[in-house]
Amino acid sequence: MKRTIETSAGALTLECNAATPFIVKRMCSFDMLKYFTETNIDDGLLLDQIERFEMIIYVMHLQATKSTREALNSTMDEFPEWLAGYSIQEMTSEIIPEGINLWVTSEQTSTRAKNPEGQQ
C-alpha cells in the first residue's frame, strides 16, 4: 500500500507491506511489530520513540522508491541526510502520523478474510 504526503521538501511517498517489519529489523536492529504494540502514541512521543518512528518512515520511503530487494539491501548511511530535509515539527505532526496510519490501514487490509464464511 502506498501513500504520498505533501511536505515542505516536496512529495514524500511511503509504501508499507508485509516486508516492512523484516526490512526495519534488518536495517534498524529492532522489532517494529513489538515496538508498535509497546508504544502508546496517545500520550505523545519521547525523543527515542521519535527516532525509531523516523527510521520506520525512512524504510517505508525506501520501499516506495526502490525495489523490495534494493530496499532490503539498503543501509542507514543516507538516513541523516534524508532526515535533514524535514523539520522536527513536520516529522512529528504530519509525517509520522501518516506513516502510522498507513501501517494500520495496511494491516487492516491484509488481515481481511479472502473467502468470507458462507461463500464458496
Protein backbone atom coordinates (compact mmCIF):
# COMPACT_ATOMS: atom_id res chain seq x y z
CA MET A 1 0.00 0.00 0.00
CA LYS A 2 1.38 3.41 -0.98
CA ARG A 3 0.63 6.93 0.13
CA THR A 4 2.08 10.27 -0.95
CA ILE A 5 2.33 13.11 1.55
CA GLU A 6 2.92 16.72 0.55
CA THR A 7 5.74 18.15 2.67
CA SER A 8 7.82 21.32 2.71
CA ALA A 9 10.50 19.35 0.85
CA GLY A 10 8.02 18.17 -1.80
CA ALA A 11 6.11 14.94 -2.24
CA LEU A 12 7.13 12.09 0.08
CA THR A 13 5.90 8.67 -1.00
CA LEU A 14 5.71 5.87 1.56
CA GLU A 15 4.99 2.20 0.99
CA CYS A 16 4.06 -0.35 3.59
CA ASN A 17 3.61 -4.08 3.10
CA ALA A 18 4.47 -7.43 4.66
CA ALA A 19 8.19 -6.85 4.02
CA THR A 20 8.28 -3.63 6.05
CA PRO A 21 8.84 -5.19 9.51
CA PHE A 22 11.51 -7.50 8.09
CA ILE A 23 13.39 -4.64 6.41
CA VAL A 24 13.11 -2.47 9.55
CA LYS A 25 14.53 -5.28 11.68
CA ARG A 26 17.38 -5.87 9.24
CA MET A 27 18.28 -2.20 8.73
CA CYS A 28 17.49 -0.76 12.17
CA SER A 29 18.02 -3.73 14.53
CA PHE A 30 14.67 -3.57 16.29
CA ASP A 31 11.36 -5.40 16.02
CA MET A 32 8.85 -2.98 14.51
CA LEU A 33 5.81 -5.10 15.36
CA LYS A 34 6.82 -5.39 19.00
CA TYR A 35 7.66 -1.70 19.10
CA PHE A 36 4.22 -0.69 17.76
CA THR A 37 2.44 -2.82 20.36
CA GLU A 38 4.54 -1.44 23.23
CA THR A 39 4.33 2.25 22.27
CA ASN A 40 1.40 4.41 23.39
CA ILE A 41 1.37 7.32 20.96
CA ASP A 42 -1.73 8.88 22.53
CA ASP A 43 0.42 10.34 25.31
CA GLY A 44 2.87 11.95 22.88
CA LEU A 45 6.23 10.64 21.73
CA LEU A 46 9.52 10.75 23.59
CA LEU A 47 12.74 11.53 21.72
CA ASP A 48 13.87 7.90 21.40
CA GLN A 49 10.39 6.97 20.15
CA ILE A 50 10.50 9.75 17.55
CA GLU A 51 13.89 8.48 16.35
CA ARG A 52 12.57 4.95 15.86
CA PHE A 53 9.46 6.16 14.04
CA GLU A 54 11.69 8.31 11.80
CA MET A 55 13.67 5.18 10.91
CA ILE A 56 10.45 3.29 10.14
CA ILE A 57 9.29 6.16 7.91
CA TYR A 58 12.67 6.10 6.14
CA VAL A 59 12.27 2.37 5.42
CA MET A 60 8.74 3.00 4.10
CA HIS A 61 10.20 5.70 1.84
CA LEU A 62 12.89 3.31 0.57
CA GLN A 63 10.22 0.70 -0.20
CA ALA A 64 8.30 3.28 -2.23
CA THR A 65 11.33 4.41 -4.23
CA LYS A 66 13.27 1.15 -4.68
CA SER A 67 12.52 -2.47 -5.41
CA THR A 68 11.99 -4.73 -2.39
CA ARG A 69 15.40 -6.32 -2.97
CA GLU A 70 17.10 -2.91 -3.16
CA ALA A 71 15.30 -1.72 -0.01
CA LEU A 72 16.29 -4.92 1.78
CA ASN A 73 19.94 -4.41 0.87
CA SER A 74 19.96 -0.71 1.80
CA THR A 75 21.73 0.71 4.83
CA MET A 76 21.03 3.63 7.13
CA ASP A 77 24.01 5.57 5.70
CA GLU A 78 21.81 8.09 3.87
CA PHE A 79 19.25 8.37 6.69
CA PRO A 80 20.72 11.51 8.36
CA GLU A 81 20.85 13.39 5.06
CA TRP A 82 17.29 12.33 4.19
CA LEU A 83 16.03 13.29 7.65
CA ALA A 84 17.67 16.72 7.45
CA GLY A 85 15.19 17.61 4.71
CA TYR A 86 12.34 17.78 7.23
CA SER A 87 11.68 19.83 10.34
CA ILE A 88 11.01 18.12 13.67
CA GLN A 89 7.57 19.75 13.72
CA GLU A 90 6.68 18.42 10.28
CA MET A 91 8.03 14.95 11.07
CA THR A 92 6.15 14.61 14.37
CA SER A 93 2.89 16.32 13.45
CA GLU A 94 2.43 15.21 9.84
CA ILE A 95 4.80 12.55 8.53
CA ILE A 96 4.95 10.10 11.45
CA PRO A 97 1.15 10.12 11.96
CA GLU A 98 0.64 9.48 8.23
CA GLY A 99 3.14 6.61 8.34
CA ILE A 100 1.41 5.07 11.35
CA ASN A 101 -1.95 5.45 9.64
CA LEU A 102 -0.55 3.79 6.52
CA TRP A 103 0.69 0.84 8.62
CA VAL A 104 -2.66 0.46 10.39
CA THR A 105 -4.57 0.66 7.09
CA SER A 106 -2.20 -1.84 5.50
CA GLU A 107 -2.66 -4.26 8.40
CA GLN A 108 -6.45 -3.98 8.25
CA THR A 109 -6.38 -4.63 4.51
CA SER A 110 -4.04 -7.61 4.77
CA THR A 111 -5.95 -9.31 7.58
CA ARG A 112 -9.35 -9.42 5.88
CA ALA A 113 -10.56 -12.89 5.01
CA LYS A 114 -10.22 -13.61 1.32
CA ASN A 115 -13.10 -16.08 1.38
CA PRO A 116 -15.70 -14.92 3.94
CA GLU A 117 -17.62 -17.66 5.69
CA GLY A 118 -20.60 -18.92 3.79
CA GLN A 119 -19.16 -18.10 0.35
CA GLN A 120 -17.83 -20.83 -1.87
